[in-house]
């Protein structure tokens, strides 16, 4: 599973991420220079999507195991 941030304006995955520092620094798109969001917001969105994907994978696994006779 690979979760990536994308630019909402152009869809590029190439982002300019500021170095270490304050969490509210703005991440920008390397292609169109649009604001993607601040570091904190982007990280929270990525964590949320990763959790959703993991939950879906677990549910699918449980469903498959149930069909195979496991409980």
C-alpha atoms as a PDB file:
ATOM      1  CA  UNK A   1       0.000   0.000   0.000  1.00  0.00           C
ATOM      2  CA  UNK A   2       1.381   3.369  -0.974  1.00  0.00           C
ATOM      3  CA  UNK A   3      -0.380   6.594  -0.020  1.00  0.00           C
ATOM      4  CA  UNK A   4       0.782   9.793  -1.724  1.00  0.00           C
ATOM      5  CA  UNK A   5      -0.200  13.425  -1.562  1.00  0.00           C
ATOM      6  CA  UNK A   6      -1.242  15.009  -4.853  1.00  0.00           C
ATOM      7  CA  UNK A   7      -1.791  18.542  -6.006  1.00  0.00           C
ATOM      8  CA  UNK A   8      -5.516  19.254  -6.210  1.00  0.00           C
ATOM      9  CA  UNK A   9      -4.943  21.735  -9.032  1.00  0.00           C
ATOM     10  CA  UNK A  10      -2.936  19.609 -11.492  1.00  0.00           C
ATOM     11  CA  UNK A  11      -2.710  16.104  -9.959  1.00  0.00           C
ATOM     12  CA  UNK A  12       1.077  16.081  -9.745  1.00  0.00           C
ATOM     13  CA  UNK A  13       2.717  14.019  -7.005  1.00  0.00           C
ATOM     14  CA  UNK A  14       5.878  16.141  -7.193  1.00  0.00           C
ATOM     15  CA  UNK A  15       5.738  18.400  -4.167  1.00  0.00           C
ATOM     16  CA  UNK A  16       8.085  20.938  -2.636  1.00  0.00           C
ATOM     17  CA  UNK A  17       8.207  20.069   1.049  1.00  0.00           C
ATOM     18  CA  UNK A  18       9.950  22.537   3.353  1.00  0.00           C
ATOM     19  CA  UNK A  19      12.730  21.202   5.564  1.00  0.00           C
ATOM     20  CA  UNK A  20      12.359  20.565   9.260  1.00  0.00           C
ATOM     21  CA  UNK A  21      10.785  23.396  11.136  1.00  0.00           C
ATOM     22  CA  UNK A  22       7.327  24.517  12.010  1.00  0.00           C
ATOM     23  CA  UNK A  23       4.517  22.124  11.125  1.00  0.00           C
ATOM     24  CA  UNK A  24       2.470  24.924   9.566  1.00  0.00           C
ATOM     25  CA  UNK A  25       4.915  25.502   6.696  1.00  0.00           C
ATOM     26  CA  UNK A  26       3.201  25.401   3.308  1.00  0.00           C
ATOM     27  CA  UNK A  27       3.744  22.491   0.905  1.00  0.00           C
ATOM     28  CA  UNK A  28       3.633  23.576  -2.737  1.00  0.00           C
ATOM     29  CA  UNK A  29       3.301  21.742  -6.039  1.00  0.00           C
ATOM     30  CA  UNK A  30       6.595  21.520  -7.935  1.00  0.00           C
ATOM     31  CA  UNK A  31       4.746  21.541 -11.260  1.00  0.00           C
ATOM     32  CA  UNK A  32       2.182  24.358 -10.971  1.00  0.00           C
ATOM     33  CA  UNK A  33       3.323  26.059  -7.719  1.00  0.00           C
ATOM     34  CA  UNK A  34      -0.144  25.745  -6.123  1.00  0.00           C
ATOM     35  CA  UNK A  35      -0.490  25.461  -2.350  1.00  0.00           C
ATOM     36  CA  UNK A  36      -1.165  21.843  -1.378  1.00  0.00           C
ATOM     37  CA  UNK A  37      -1.577  22.605   2.333  1.00  0.00           C
ATOM     38  CA  UNK A  38       0.483  23.059   5.433  1.00  0.00           C
ATOM     39  CA  UNK A  39       2.656  20.181   6.635  1.00  0.00           C
ATOM     40  CA  UNK A  40       0.381  19.343   9.555  1.00  0.00           C
ATOM     41  CA  UNK A  41      -2.798  19.219   7.436  1.00  0.00           C
ATOM     42  CA  UNK A  42      -1.158  17.160   4.673  1.00  0.00           C
ATOM     43  CA  UNK A  43       0.251  14.671   7.195  1.00  0.00           C
ATOM     44  CA  UNK A  44      -3.156  14.327   8.887  1.00  0.00           C
ATOM     45  CA  UNK A  45      -4.860  13.719   5.530  1.00  0.00           C
ATOM     46  CA  UNK A  46      -2.264  11.094   4.582  1.00  0.00           C
ATOM     47  CA  UNK A  47      -2.675   9.311   7.935  1.00  0.00           C
ATOM     48  CA  UNK A  48      -6.463   9.313   7.528  1.00  0.00           C
ATOM     49  CA  UNK A  49      -6.236   7.825   4.017  1.00  0.00           C
ATOM     50  CA  UNK A  50      -3.703   5.216   5.168  1.00  0.00           C
ATOM     51  CA  UNK A  51      -6.006   4.158   8.020  1.00  0.00           C
ATOM     52  CA  UNK A  52      -8.973   3.906   5.642  1.00  0.00           C
ATOM     53  CA  UNK A  53      -6.955   1.747   3.231  1.00  0.00           C
ATOM     54  CA  UNK A  54      -5.681  -0.487   6.053  1.00  0.00           C
ATOM     55  CA  UNK A  55      -9.212  -0.894   7.461  1.00  0.00           C
ATOM     56  CA  UNK A  56     -10.491  -1.849   4.000  1.00  0.00           C
ATOM     57  CA  UNK A  57      -7.686  -4.382   3.523  1.00  0.00           C
ATOM     58  CA  UNK A  58      -8.446  -5.967   6.915  1.00  0.00           C
ATOM     59  CA  UNK A  59     -12.174  -6.135   6.140  1.00  0.00           C
ATOM     60  CA  UNK A  60     -11.459  -7.747   2.753  1.00  0.00           C
ATOM     61  CA  UNK A  61      -9.091 -10.259   4.397  1.00  0.00           C
ATOM     62  CA  UNK A  62     -11.684 -11.175   7.037  1.00  0.00           C
ATOM     63  CA  UNK A  63     -14.317 -11.600   4.335  1.00  0.00           C
ATOM     64  CA  UNK A  64     -12.017 -13.875   2.328  1.00  0.00           C
ATOM     65  CA  UNK A  65     -11.129 -15.939   5.388  1.00  0.00           C
ATOM     66  CA  UNK A  66     -14.823 -16.269   6.251  1.00  0.00           C
ATOM     67  CA  UNK A  67     -15.577 -17.613   2.781  1.00  0.00           C
ATOM     68  CA  UNK A  68     -12.719 -20.120   3.213  1.00  0.00           C
ATOM     69  CA  UNK A  69     -14.304 -21.403   6.434  1.00  0.00           C
ATOM     70  CA  UNK A  70     -12.186 -19.558   8.981  1.00  0.00           C
ATOM     71  CA  UNK A  71     -13.780 -17.583  11.785  1.00  0.00           C
END
